[in-house]
């Protein structure tokens, strides 16, 4: 992914916290990389991110479409971006970038779970 400059039009500023991780589409589906990375940021496991009050990836984007677009697109650079919970996700065929505003305390954990 390219260097990221704060963009006030998206609410991105000096209070934005960035997490970035590379992944390999031949080993990990892009949608799985997103969920695993959010779980790591939240200090939980992916199973805890889903529940009766939890937000799922399906709430924001079609995981199958993300997987298909990024796994089969070797030549054209493509980045998919969308919000989920308090996070903003940007993913391409090589890396996941997750941002949130410091102090917003984003959490996708179910209301009954504790960190």
PDB file of N, CA and C in Angstrom:
ATOM      1  N   UNK A   1       0.845  -1.171   0.000  1.00  0.00           N
ATOM      2  CA  UNK A   1       0.000   0.000   0.000  1.00  0.00           C
ATOM      3  C   UNK A   1       0.890   1.234   0.000  1.00  0.00           C
ATOM      4  N   UNK A   2       0.355   2.294  -0.504  1.00  0.00           N
ATOM      5  CA  UNK A   2       1.116   3.530  -0.575  1.00  0.00           C
ATOM      6  C   UNK A   2       1.161   4.202   0.792  1.00  0.00           C
ATOM      7  N   UNK A   3       2.139   5.141   0.942  1.00  0.00           N
ATOM      8  CA  UNK A   3       2.196   5.913   2.178  1.00  0.00           C
ATOM      9  C   UNK A   3       0.870   6.607   2.410  1.00  0.00           C
ATOM     10  N   UNK A   4       0.487   6.691   3.642  1.00  0.00           N
ATOM     11  CA  UNK A   4      -0.811   7.229   4.006  1.00  0.00           C
ATOM     12  C   UNK A   4      -0.626   8.591   4.652  1.00  0.00           C
ATOM     13  N   UNK A   5      -1.220   9.588   4.071  1.00  0.00           N
ATOM     14  CA  UNK A   5      -1.220  10.932   4.647  1.00  0.00           C
ATOM     15  C   UNK A   5      -2.592  11.178   5.273  1.00  0.00           C
ATOM     16  N   UNK A   6      -2.663  11.850   6.420  1.00  0.00           N
ATOM     17  CA  UNK A   6      -3.964  12.165   7.008  1.00  0.00           C
ATOM     18  C   UNK A   6      -4.859  12.881   6.000  1.00  0.00           C
ATOM     19  N   UNK A   7      -6.108  12.486   5.969  1.00  0.00           N
ATOM     20  CA  UNK A   7      -7.075  13.058   5.040  1.00  0.00           C
ATOM     21  C   UNK A   7      -8.285  13.541   5.836  1.00  0.00           C
ATOM     22  N   UNK A   8      -8.355  14.851   6.126  1.00  0.00           N
ATOM     23  CA  UNK A   8      -9.456  15.375   6.938  1.00  0.00           C
ATOM     24  C   UNK A   8     -10.838  15.101   6.341  1.00  0.00           C
ATOM     25  N   UNK A   9     -10.940  14.935   5.027  1.00  0.00           N
ATOM     26  CA  UNK A   9     -12.244  14.684   4.413  1.00  0.00           C
ATOM     27  C   UNK A   9     -12.810  13.329   4.813  1.00  0.00           C
ATOM     28  N   UNK A  10     -11.952  12.396   5.245  1.00  0.00           N
ATOM     29  CA  UNK A  10     -12.415  11.082   5.685  1.00  0.00           C
ATOM     30  C   UNK A  10     -12.401  10.957   7.201  1.00  0.00           C
ATOM     31  N   UNK A  11     -12.081  12.069   7.894  1.00  0.00           N
ATOM     32  CA  UNK A  11     -11.984  12.027   9.345  1.00  0.00           C
ATOM     33  C   UNK A  11     -10.637  11.512   9.816  1.00  0.00           C
ATOM     34  N   UNK A  12      -9.722  11.286   8.887  1.00  0.00           N
ATOM     35  CA  UNK A  12      -8.390  10.777   9.186  1.00  0.00           C
ATOM     36  C   UNK A  12      -7.481  11.951   9.544  1.00  0.00           C
ATOM     37  N   UNK A  13      -6.907  11.950  10.742  1.00  0.00           N
ATOM     38  CA  UNK A  13      -6.045  13.038  11.166  1.00  0.00           C
ATOM     39  C   UNK A  13      -4.934  12.505  12.059  1.00  0.00           C
ATOM     40  N   UNK A  14      -4.269  13.389  12.784  1.00  0.00           N
ATOM     41  CA  UNK A  14      -3.155  12.966  13.635  1.00  0.00           C
ATOM     42  C   UNK A  14      -3.605  12.053  14.778  1.00  0.00           C
ATOM     43  N   UNK A  15      -4.897  11.957  15.037  1.00  0.00           N
ATOM     44  CA  UNK A  15      -5.421  11.059  16.068  1.00  0.00           C
ATOM     45  C   UNK A  15      -5.774   9.684  15.515  1.00  0.00           C
ATOM     46  N   UNK A  16      -5.500   9.467  14.241  1.00  0.00           N
ATOM     47  CA  UNK A  16      -5.808   8.192  13.615  1.00  0.00           C
ATOM     48  C   UNK A  16      -4.717   7.177  13.939  1.00  0.00           C
ATOM     49  N   UNK A  17      -5.131   6.014  14.420  1.00  0.00           N
ATOM     50  CA  UNK A  17      -4.212   4.923  14.728  1.00  0.00           C
ATOM     51  C   UNK A  17      -4.237   3.963  13.545  1.00  0.00           C
ATOM     52  N   UNK A  18      -3.037   3.594  13.078  1.00  0.00           N
ATOM     53  CA  UNK A  18      -2.914   2.735  11.900  1.00  0.00           C
ATOM     54  C   UNK A  18      -2.292   1.395  12.274  1.00  0.00           C
ATOM     55  N   UNK A  19      -2.854   0.339  11.715  1.00  0.00           N
ATOM     56  CA  UNK A  19      -2.310  -1.007  11.857  1.00  0.00           C
ATOM     57  C   UNK A  19      -2.168  -1.556  10.446  1.00  0.00           C
ATOM     58  N   UNK A  20      -1.016  -2.098  10.112  1.00  0.00           N
ATOM     59  CA  UNK A  20      -0.838  -2.651   8.775  1.00  0.00           C
ATOM     60  C   UNK A  20      -0.141  -3.996   8.864  1.00  0.00           C
ATOM     61  N   UNK A  21      -0.607  -4.915   8.027  1.00  0.00           N
ATOM     62  CA  UNK A  21      -0.027  -6.253   7.990  1.00  0.00           C
ATOM     63  C   UNK A  21      -0.058  -6.772   6.563  1.00  0.00           C
ATOM     64  N   UNK A  22       1.018  -7.423   6.176  1.00  0.00           N
ATOM     65  CA  UNK A  22       1.054  -8.097   4.888  1.00  0.00           C
ATOM     66  C   UNK A  22       0.482  -9.499   5.051  1.00  0.00           C
ATOM     67  N   UNK A  23      -0.040 -10.039   3.977  1.00  0.00           N
ATOM     68  CA  UNK A  23      -0.532 -11.410   3.982  1.00  0.00           C
ATOM     69  C   UNK A  23      -0.313 -11.991   2.597  1.00  0.00           C
ATOM     70  N   UNK A  24      -0.463 -13.297   2.459  1.00  0.00           N
ATOM     71  CA  UNK A  24      -0.227 -13.995   1.207  1.00  0.00           C
ATOM     72  C   UNK A  24      -1.539 -14.632   0.751  1.00  0.00           C
ATOM     73  N   UNK A  25      -2.084 -14.174  -0.387  1.00  0.00           N
ATOM     74  CA  UNK A  25      -3.382 -14.689  -0.852  1.00  0.00           C
ATOM     75  C   UNK A  25      -3.334 -16.159  -1.228  1.00  0.00           C
ATOM     76  N   UNK A  26      -2.146 -16.708  -1.453  1.00  0.00           N
ATOM     77  CA  UNK A  26      -2.084 -18.138  -1.759  1.00  0.00           C
ATOM     78  C   UNK A  26      -2.223 -18.977  -0.484  1.00  0.00           C
ATOM     79  N   UNK A  27      -2.037 -18.356   0.681  1.00  0.00           N
ATOM     80  CA  UNK A  27      -2.167 -19.059   1.954  1.00  0.00           C
ATOM     81  C   UNK A  27      -3.392 -18.645   2.756  1.00  0.00           C
ATOM     82  N   UNK A  28      -3.830 -17.401   2.597  1.00  0.00           N
ATOM     83  CA  UNK A  28      -4.909 -16.844   3.412  1.00  0.00           C
ATOM     84  C   UNK A  28      -5.882 -16.072   2.532  1.00  0.00           C
ATOM     85  N   UNK A  29      -7.173 -16.344   2.690  1.00  0.00           N
ATOM     86  CA  UNK A  29      -8.184 -15.558   1.984  1.00  0.00           C
ATOM     87  C   UNK A  29      -8.141 -14.126   2.513  1.00  0.00           C
ATOM     88  N   UNK A  30      -8.336 -13.139   1.651  1.00  0.00           N
ATOM     89  CA  UNK A  30      -8.355 -11.747   2.112  1.00  0.00           C
ATOM     90  C   UNK A  30      -9.361 -11.509   3.244  1.00  0.00           C
ATOM     91  N   UNK A  31     -10.558 -12.077   3.128  1.00  0.00           N
ATOM     92  CA  UNK A  31     -11.561 -11.869   4.181  1.00  0.00           C
ATOM     93  C   UNK A  31     -11.094 -12.453   5.513  1.00  0.00           C
ATOM     94  N   UNK A  32     -10.415 -13.587   5.468  1.00  0.00           N
ATOM     95  CA  UNK A  32      -9.869 -14.195   6.685  1.00  0.00           C
ATOM     96  C   UNK A  32      -8.768 -13.325   7.269  1.00  0.00           C
ATOM     97  N   UNK A  33      -7.928 -12.758   6.411  1.00  0.00           N
ATOM     98  CA  UNK A  33      -6.854 -11.865   6.874  1.00  0.00           C
ATOM     99  C   UNK A  33      -7.437 -10.673   7.631  1.00  0.00           C
ATOM    100  N   UNK A  34      -8.540 -10.126   7.128  1.00  0.00           N
ATOM    101  CA  UNK A  34      -9.191  -8.990   7.793  1.00  0.00           C
ATOM    102  C   UNK A  34      -9.670  -9.380   9.190  1.00  0.00           C
ATOM    103  N   UNK A  35     -10.419 -10.465   9.276  1.00  0.00           N
ATOM    104  CA  UNK A  35     -10.984 -10.897  10.565  1.00  0.00           C
ATOM    105  C   UNK A  35      -9.879 -11.260  11.555  1.00  0.00           C
ATOM    106  N   UNK A  36      -8.860 -11.989  11.099  1.00  0.00           N
ATOM    107  CA  UNK A  36      -7.774 -12.365  12.000  1.00  0.00           C
ATOM    108  C   UNK A  36      -7.016 -11.141  12.512  1.00  0.00           C
ATOM    109  N   UNK A  37      -6.831 -10.148  11.648  1.00  0.00           N
ATOM    110  CA  UNK A  37      -6.101  -8.948  12.039  1.00  0.00           C
ATOM    111  C   UNK A  37      -6.922  -8.117  13.028  1.00  0.00           C
ATOM    112  N   UNK A  38      -8.218  -7.962  12.789  1.00  0.00           N
ATOM    113  CA  UNK A  38      -9.070  -7.249  13.740  1.00  0.00           C
ATOM    114  C   UNK A  38      -9.057  -7.965  15.089  1.00  0.00           C
ATOM    115  N   UNK A  39      -9.153  -9.291  15.070  1.00  0.00           N
ATOM    116  CA  UNK A  39      -9.125 -10.059  16.322  1.00  0.00           C
ATOM    117  C   UNK A  39      -7.823  -9.817  17.073  1.00  0.00           C
ATOM    118  N   UNK A  40      -6.711  -9.786  16.355  1.00  0.00           N
ATOM    119  CA  UNK A  40      -5.428  -9.526  17.008  1.00  0.00           C
ATOM    120  C   UNK A  40      -5.392  -8.128  17.621  1.00  0.00           C
ATOM    121  N   UNK A  41      -5.880  -7.138  16.890  1.00  0.00           N
ATOM    122  CA  UNK A  41      -5.924  -5.765  17.402  1.00  0.00           C
ATOM    123  C   UNK A  41      -6.767  -5.691  18.662  1.00  0.00           C
ATOM    124  N   UNK A  42      -7.875  -6.422  18.670  1.00  0.00           N
ATOM    125  CA  UNK A  42      -8.794  -6.409  19.813  1.00  0.00           C
ATOM    126  C   UNK A  42      -8.345  -7.324  20.953  1.00  0.00           C
ATOM    127  N   UNK A  43      -7.293  -8.107  20.716  1.00  0.00           N
ATOM    128  CA  UNK A  43      -6.805  -9.007  21.749  1.00  0.00           C
ATOM    129  C   UNK A  43      -7.751 -10.166  21.999  1.00  0.00           C
ATOM    130  N   UNK A  44      -8.388 -10.656  20.940  1.00  0.00           N
ATOM    131  CA  UNK A  44      -9.333 -11.760  21.075  1.00  0.00           C
ATOM    132  C   UNK A  44      -9.066 -12.776  19.975  1.00  0.00           C
ATOM    133  N   UNK A  45      -9.944 -13.747  19.878  1.00  0.00           N
ATOM    134  CA  UNK A  45      -9.849 -14.665  18.746  1.00  0.00           C
ATOM    135  C   UNK A  45     -11.009 -14.364  17.801  1.00  0.00           C
ATOM    136  N   UNK A  46     -10.899 -14.773  16.542  1.00  0.00           N
ATOM    137  CA  UNK A  46     -11.933 -14.433  15.558  1.00  0.00           C
ATOM    138  C   UNK A  46     -13.344 -14.873  15.939  1.00  0.00           C
ATOM    139  N   UNK A  47     -13.479 -15.961  16.665  1.00  0.00           N
ATOM    140  CA  UNK A  47     -14.797 -16.455  17.068  1.00  0.00           C
ATOM    141  C   UNK A  47     -15.507 -15.444  17.963  1.00  0.00           C
ATOM    142  N   UNK A  48     -14.762 -14.750  18.826  1.00  0.00           N
ATOM    143  CA  UNK A  48     -15.362 -13.783  19.750  1.00  0.00           C
ATOM    144  C   UNK A  48     -15.878 -12.534  19.058  1.00  0.00           C
ATOM    145  N   UNK A  49     -15.470 -12.314  17.805  1.00  0.00           N
ATOM    146  CA  UNK A  49     -15.907 -11.114  17.089  1.00  0.00           C
ATOM    147  C   UNK A  49     -17.351 -11.230  16.603  1.00  0.00           C
ATOM    148  N   UNK A  50     -17.905 -12.426  16.629  1.00  0.00           N
ATOM    149  CA  UNK A  50     -19.244 -12.640  16.108  1.00  0.00           C
ATOM    150  C   UNK A  50     -20.162 -13.089  17.237  1.00  0.00           C
ATOM    151  N   UNK A  51     -21.336 -12.555  17.279  1.00  0.00           N
ATOM    152  CA  UNK A  51     -22.315 -12.946  18.281  1.00  0.00           C
ATOM    153  C   UNK A  51     -23.617 -12.227  18.028  1.00  0.00           C
ATOM    154  N   UNK A  52     -24.541 -12.359  18.937  1.00  0.00           N
ATOM    155  CA  UNK A  52     -25.857 -11.765  18.718  1.00  0.00           C
ATOM    156  C   UNK A  52     -25.784 -10.255  18.572  1.00  0.00           C
ATOM    157  N   UNK A  53     -24.873  -9.600  19.285  1.00  0.00           N
ATOM    158  CA  UNK A  53     -24.731  -8.152  19.172  1.00  0.00           C
ATOM    159  C   UNK A  53     -23.477  -7.761  18.398  1.00  0.00           C
ATOM    160  N   UNK A  54     -22.706  -8.750  17.931  1.00  0.00           N
ATOM    161  CA  UNK A  54     -21.458  -8.466  17.235  1.00  0.00           C
ATOM    162  C   UNK A  54     -21.688  -8.030  15.799  1.00  0.00           C
ATOM    163  N   UNK A  55     -20.696  -7.391  15.246  1.00  0.00           N
ATOM    164  CA  UNK A  55     -20.738  -6.957  13.864  1.00  0.00           C
ATOM    165  C   UNK A  55     -19.940  -7.968  13.056  1.00  0.00           C
ATOM    166  N   UNK A  56     -20.476  -8.384  11.940  1.00  0.00           N
ATOM    167  CA  UNK A  56     -19.759  -9.319  11.098  1.00  0.00           C
ATOM    168  C   UNK A  56     -19.261  -8.629   9.841  1.00  0.00           C
ATOM    169  N   UNK A  57     -18.318  -9.257   9.175  1.00  0.00           N
ATOM    170  CA  UNK A  57     -17.805  -8.735   7.921  1.00  0.00           C
ATOM    171  C   UNK A  57     -18.945  -8.603   6.911  1.00  0.00           C
ATOM    172  N   UNK A  58     -19.903  -9.537   6.961  1.00  0.00           N
ATOM    173  CA  UNK A  58     -21.076  -9.504   6.065  1.00  0.00           C
ATOM    174  C   UNK A  58     -21.903  -8.229   6.238  1.00  0.00           C
ATOM    175  N   UNK A  59     -21.816  -7.583   7.399  1.00  0.00           N
ATOM    176  CA  UNK A  59     -22.553  -6.342   7.626  1.00  0.00           C
ATOM    177  C   UNK A  59     -22.024  -5.200   6.768  1.00  0.00           C
ATOM    178  N   UNK A  60     -20.763  -5.306   6.332  1.00  0.00           N
ATOM    179  CA  UNK A  60     -20.124  -4.216   5.605  1.00  0.00           C
ATOM    180  C   UNK A  60     -19.796  -4.530   4.161  1.00  0.00           C
ATOM    181  N   UNK A  61     -19.507  -5.786   3.869  1.00  0.00           N
ATOM    182  CA  UNK A  61     -19.034  -6.151   2.533  1.00  0.00           C
ATOM    183  C   UNK A  61     -19.286  -7.641   2.303  1.00  0.00           C
ATOM    184  N   UNK A  62     -19.331  -8.052   1.072  1.00  0.00           N
ATOM    185  CA  UNK A  62     -19.479  -9.465   0.725  1.00  0.00           C
ATOM    186  C   UNK A  62     -18.095 -10.117   0.768  1.00  0.00           C
ATOM    187  N   UNK A  63     -17.797 -10.946   1.789  1.00  0.00           N
ATOM    188  CA  UNK A  63     -16.466 -11.543   1.907  1.00  0.00           C
ATOM    189  C   UNK A  63     -16.061 -12.357   0.677  1.00  0.00           C
ATOM    190  N   UNK A  64     -17.007 -13.048   0.063  1.00  0.00           N
ATOM    191  CA  UNK A  64     -16.700 -13.829  -1.132  1.00  0.00           C
ATOM    192  C   UNK A  64     -16.261 -12.953  -2.288  1.00  0.00           C
ATOM    193  N   UNK A  65     -16.895 -11.795  -2.419  1.00  0.00           N
ATOM    194  CA  UNK A  65     -16.516 -10.859  -3.479  1.00  0.00           C
ATOM    195  C   UNK A  65     -15.118 -10.293  -3.216  1.00  0.00           C
ATOM    196  N   UNK A  66     -14.816  -9.956  -1.967  1.00  0.00           N
ATOM    197  CA  UNK A  66     -13.476  -9.458  -1.612  1.00  0.00           C
ATOM    198  C   UNK A  66     -12.435 -10.521  -1.960  1.00  0.00           C
ATOM    199  N   UNK A  67     -12.703 -11.765  -1.544  1.00  0.00           N
ATOM    200  CA  UNK A  67     -11.771 -12.858  -1.821  1.00  0.00           C
ATOM    201  C   UNK A  67     -11.567 -13.040  -3.316  1.00  0.00           C
ATOM    202  N   UNK A  68     -12.644 -13.045  -4.050  1.00  0.00           N
ATOM    203  CA  UNK A  68     -12.563 -13.257  -5.495  1.00  0.00           C
ATOM    204  C   UNK A  68     -11.816 -12.129  -6.203  1.00  0.00           C
ATOM    205  N   UNK A  69     -12.170 -10.895  -5.878  1.00  0.00           N
ATOM    206  CA  UNK A  69     -11.536  -9.748  -6.530  1.00  0.00           C
ATOM    207  C   UNK A  69     -10.032  -9.680  -6.261  1.00  0.00           C
ATOM    208  N   UNK A  70      -9.639  -9.944  -5.034  1.00  0.00           N
ATOM    209  CA  UNK A  70      -8.228  -9.799  -4.680  1.00  0.00           C
ATOM    210  C   UNK A  70      -7.396 -11.044  -4.967  1.00  0.00           C
ATOM    211  N   UNK A  71      -7.995 -12.206  -4.917  1.00  0.00           N
ATOM    212  CA  UNK A  71      -7.250 -13.441  -5.148  1.00  0.00           C
ATOM    213  C   UNK A  71      -6.984 -13.691  -6.625  1.00  0.00           C
ATOM    214  N   UNK A  72      -7.825 -13.163  -7.478  1.00  0.00           N
ATOM    215  CA  UNK A  72      -7.699 -13.438  -8.910  1.00  0.00           C
ATOM    216  C   UNK A  72      -7.257 -12.227  -9.707  1.00  0.00           C
ATOM    217  N   UNK A  73      -6.813 -11.186  -9.036  1.00  0.00           N
ATOM    218  CA  UNK A  73      -6.416  -9.956  -9.706  1.00  0.00           C
ATOM    219  C   UNK A  73      -4.912  -9.766  -9.529  1.00  0.00           C
ATOM    220  N   UNK A  74      -4.126 -10.391 -10.387  1.00  0.00           N
ATOM    221  CA  UNK A  74      -2.679 -10.345 -10.270  1.00  0.00           C
ATOM    222  C   UNK A  74      -2.054  -9.130 -10.950  1.00  0.00           C
ATOM    223  N   UNK A  75      -2.701  -8.610 -11.979  1.00  0.00           N
ATOM    224  CA  UNK A  75      -2.060  -7.581 -12.793  1.00  0.00           C
ATOM    225  C   UNK A  75      -2.484  -6.160 -12.443  1.00  0.00           C
ATOM    226  N   UNK A  76      -3.743  -5.917 -12.214  1.00  0.00           N
ATOM    227  CA  UNK A  76      -4.229  -4.572 -11.940  1.00  0.00           C
ATOM    228  C   UNK A  76      -4.226  -4.306 -10.441  1.00  0.00           C
ATOM    229  N   UNK A  77      -3.622  -3.187 -10.026  1.00  0.00           N
ATOM    230  CA  UNK A  77      -3.679  -2.858  -8.595  1.00  0.00           C
ATOM    231  C   UNK A  77      -5.116  -2.517  -8.203  1.00  0.00           C
ATOM    232  N   UNK A  78      -5.578  -3.138  -7.163  1.00  0.00           N
ATOM    233  CA  UNK A  78      -6.945  -2.933  -6.694  1.00  0.00           C
ATOM    234  C   UNK A  78      -6.911  -2.854  -5.184  1.00  0.00           C
ATOM    235  N   UNK A  79      -7.543  -1.835  -4.638  1.00  0.00           N
ATOM    236  CA  UNK A  79      -7.699  -1.706  -3.189  1.00  0.00           C
ATOM    237  C   UNK A  79      -9.183  -1.601  -2.897  1.00  0.00           C
ATOM    238  N   UNK A  80      -9.639  -2.391  -1.945  1.00  0.00           N
ATOM    239  CA  UNK A  80     -11.029  -2.351  -1.502  1.00  0.00           C
ATOM    240  C   UNK A  80     -11.030  -1.668  -0.138  1.00  0.00           C
ATOM    241  N   UNK A  81     -11.924  -0.713   0.052  1.00  0.00           N
ATOM    242  CA  UNK A  81     -11.986   0.037   1.306  1.00  0.00           C
ATOM    243  C   UNK A  81     -13.424   0.100   1.797  1.00  0.00           C
ATOM    244  N   UNK A  82     -13.600  -0.069   3.115  1.00  0.00           N
ATOM    245  CA  UNK A  82     -14.936  -0.032   3.704  1.00  0.00           C
ATOM    246  C   UNK A  82     -14.830   0.106   5.220  1.00  0.00           C
ATOM    247  N   UNK A  83     -15.871   0.643   5.853  1.00  0.00           N
ATOM    248  CA  UNK A  83     -15.895   0.704   7.322  1.00  0.00           C
ATOM    249  C   UNK A  83     -16.522  -0.569   7.887  1.00  0.00           C
ATOM    250  N   UNK A  84     -16.089  -0.935   9.073  1.00  0.00           N
ATOM    251  CA  UNK A  84     -16.733  -2.018   9.824  1.00  0.00           C
ATOM    252  C   UNK A  84     -16.556  -1.680  11.302  1.00  0.00           C
ATOM    253  N   UNK A  85     -17.666  -1.564  12.008  1.00  0.00           N
ATOM    254  CA  UNK A  85     -17.589  -1.140  13.404  1.00  0.00           C
ATOM    255  C   UNK A  85     -16.920   0.219  13.473  1.00  0.00           C
ATOM    256  N   UNK A  86     -15.974   0.399  14.355  1.00  0.00           N
ATOM    257  CA  UNK A  86     -15.232   1.645  14.483  1.00  0.00           C
ATOM    258  C   UNK A  86     -13.963   1.681  13.648  1.00  0.00           C
ATOM    259  N   UNK A  87     -13.793   0.695  12.788  1.00  0.00           N
ATOM    260  CA  UNK A  87     -12.593   0.594  11.970  1.00  0.00           C
ATOM    261  C   UNK A  87     -12.860   1.005  10.528  1.00  0.00           C
ATOM    262  N   UNK A  88     -11.785   1.401   9.837  1.00  0.00           N
ATOM    263  CA  UNK A  88     -11.833   1.609   8.392  1.00  0.00           C
ATOM    264  C   UNK A  88     -10.800   0.664   7.803  1.00  0.00           C
ATOM    265  N   UNK A  89     -11.238  -0.211   6.915  1.00  0.00           N
ATOM    266  CA  UNK A  89     -10.398  -1.251   6.328  1.00  0.00           C
ATOM    267  C   UNK A  89      -9.998  -0.852   4.916  1.00  0.00           C
ATOM    268  N   UNK A  90      -8.734  -1.050   4.595  1.00  0.00           N
ATOM    269  CA  UNK A  90      -8.254  -0.964   3.218  1.00  0.00           C
ATOM    270  C   UNK A  90      -7.448  -2.233   2.982  1.00  0.00           C
ATOM    271  N   UNK A  91      -7.775  -2.950   1.930  1.00  0.00           N
ATOM    272  CA  UNK A  91      -7.082  -4.202   1.662  1.00  0.00           C
ATOM    273  C   UNK A  91      -6.776  -4.304   0.174  1.00  0.00           C
ATOM    274  N   UNK A  92      -5.567  -4.773  -0.115  1.00  0.00           N
ATOM    275  CA  UNK A  92      -5.211  -5.082  -1.492  1.00  0.00           C
ATOM    276  C   UNK A  92      -4.684  -6.511  -1.510  1.00  0.00           C
ATOM    277  N   UNK A  93      -4.069  -6.936  -2.609  1.00  0.00           N
ATOM    278  CA  UNK A  93      -3.655  -8.336  -2.704  1.00  0.00           C
ATOM    279  C   UNK A  93      -2.464  -8.685  -1.818  1.00  0.00           C
ATOM    280  N   UNK A  94      -1.827  -7.670  -1.221  1.00  0.00           N
ATOM    281  CA  UNK A  94      -0.635  -7.919  -0.413  1.00  0.00           C
ATOM    282  C   UNK A  94      -0.743  -7.520   1.050  1.00  0.00           C
ATOM    283  N   UNK A  95      -1.637  -6.571   1.377  1.00  0.00           N
ATOM    284  CA  UNK A  95      -1.632  -6.025   2.734  1.00  0.00           C
ATOM    285  C   UNK A  95      -3.020  -5.567   3.174  1.00  0.00           C
ATOM    286  N   UNK A  96      -3.186  -5.562   4.490  1.00  0.00           N
ATOM    287  CA  UNK A  96      -4.393  -5.040   5.119  1.00  0.00           C
ATOM    288  C   UNK A  96      -3.974  -3.815   5.927  1.00  0.00           C
ATOM    289  N   UNK A  97      -4.673  -2.703   5.747  1.00  0.00           N
ATOM    290  CA  UNK A  97      -4.463  -1.497   6.536  1.00  0.00           C
ATOM    291  C   UNK A  97      -5.762  -1.234   7.293  1.00  0.00           C
ATOM    292  N   UNK A  98      -5.664  -1.161   8.607  1.00  0.00           N
ATOM    293  CA  UNK A  98      -6.824  -0.907   9.447  1.00  0.00           C
ATOM    294  C   UNK A  98      -6.547   0.371  10.232  1.00  0.00           C
ATOM    295  N   UNK A  99      -7.486   1.303  10.180  1.00  0.00           N
ATOM    296  CA  UNK A  99      -7.337   2.550  10.924  1.00  0.00           C
ATOM    297  C   UNK A  99      -8.550   2.783  11.812  1.00  0.00           C
ATOM    298  N   UNK A 100      -8.338   3.536  12.866  1.00  0.00           N
ATOM    299  CA  UNK A 100      -9.427   4.043  13.696  1.00  0.00           C
ATOM    300  C   UNK A 100      -8.920   5.279  14.412  1.00  0.00           C
ATOM    301  N   UNK A 101      -9.839   6.113  14.848  1.00  0.00           N
ATOM    302  CA  UNK A 101      -9.453   7.333  15.573  1.00  0.00           C
ATOM    303  C   UNK A 101      -9.165   6.977  17.018  1.00  0.00           C
ATOM    304  N   UNK A 102      -8.012   7.431  17.498  1.00  0.00           N
ATOM    305  CA  UNK A 102      -7.610   7.192  18.876  1.00  0.00           C
ATOM    306  C   UNK A 102      -8.679   7.725  19.822  1.00  0.00           C
ATOM    307  N   UNK A 103      -9.035   6.924  20.805  1.00  0.00           N
ATOM    308  CA  UNK A 103     -10.039   7.335  21.774  1.00  0.00           C
ATOM    309  C   UNK A 103     -11.449   6.908  21.404  1.00  0.00           C
ATOM    310  N   UNK A 104     -11.657   6.461  20.163  1.00  0.00           N
ATOM    311  CA  UNK A 104     -12.988   6.001  19.758  1.00  0.00           C
ATOM    312  C   UNK A 104     -13.290   4.615  20.299  1.00  0.00           C
ATOM    313  N   UNK A 105     -12.265   3.912  20.784  1.00  0.00           N
ATOM    314  CA  UNK A 105     -12.408   2.587  21.358  1.00  0.00           C
ATOM    315  C   UNK A 105     -13.253   1.671  20.500  1.00  0.00           C
ATOM    316  N   UNK A 106     -12.825   1.437  19.261  1.00  0.00           N
ATOM    317  CA  UNK A 106     -13.612   0.539  18.428  1.00  0.00           C
ATOM    318  C   UNK A 106     -13.575  -0.867  19.003  1.00  0.00           C
ATOM    319  N   UNK A 107     -14.671  -1.529  18.949  1.00  0.00           N
ATOM    320  CA  UNK A 107     -14.707  -2.915  19.395  1.00  0.00           C
ATOM    321  C   UNK A 107     -15.788  -3.653  18.643  1.00  0.00           C
ATOM    322  N   UNK A 108     -15.416  -4.801  18.143  1.00  0.00           N
ATOM    323  CA  UNK A 108     -16.385  -5.650  17.481  1.00  0.00           C
ATOM    324  C   UNK A 108     -16.757  -6.831  18.361  1.00  0.00           C
ATOM    325  N   UNK A 109     -16.229  -6.828  19.583  1.00  0.00           N
ATOM    326  CA  UNK A 109     -16.569  -7.901  20.502  1.00  0.00           C
ATOM    327  C   UNK A 109     -18.024  -7.799  20.901  1.00  0.00           C
ATOM    328  N   UNK A 110     -18.645  -8.924  21.159  1.00  0.00           N
ATOM    329  CA  UNK A 110     -20.032  -8.923  21.563  1.00  0.00           C
ATOM    330  C   UNK A 110     -20.160  -8.270  22.930  1.00  0.00           C
ATOM    331  N   UNK A 111     -21.330  -7.768  23.229  1.00  0.00           N
ATOM    332  CA  UNK A 111     -21.530  -7.010  24.462  1.00  0.00           C
ATOM    333  C   UNK A 111     -21.269  -7.848  25.706  1.00  0.00           C
ATOM    334  N   UNK A 112     -21.404  -9.156  25.626  1.00  0.00           N
ATOM    335  CA  UNK A 112     -21.182  -9.999  26.783  1.00  0.00           C
ATOM    336  C   UNK A 112     -19.737 -10.392  26.989  1.00  0.00           C
ATOM    337  N   UNK A 113     -18.866 -10.083  26.042  1.00  0.00           N
ATOM    338  CA  UNK A 113     -17.454 -10.458  26.139  1.00  0.00           C
ATOM    339  C   UNK A 113     -16.665  -9.342  26.789  1.00  0.00           C
ATOM    340  N   UNK A 114     -15.620  -9.727  27.484  1.00  0.00           N
ATOM    341  CA  UNK A 114     -14.723  -8.743  28.066  1.00  0.00           C
ATOM    342  C   UNK A 114     -13.354  -8.941  27.482  1.00  0.00           C
ATOM    343  N   UNK A 115     -12.625  -7.838  27.349  1.00  0.00           N
ATOM    344  CA  UNK A 115     -11.268  -7.916  26.829  1.00  0.00           C
ATOM    345  C   UNK A 115     -10.320  -8.376  27.899  1.00  0.00           C
TER     346      UNK A 115
END
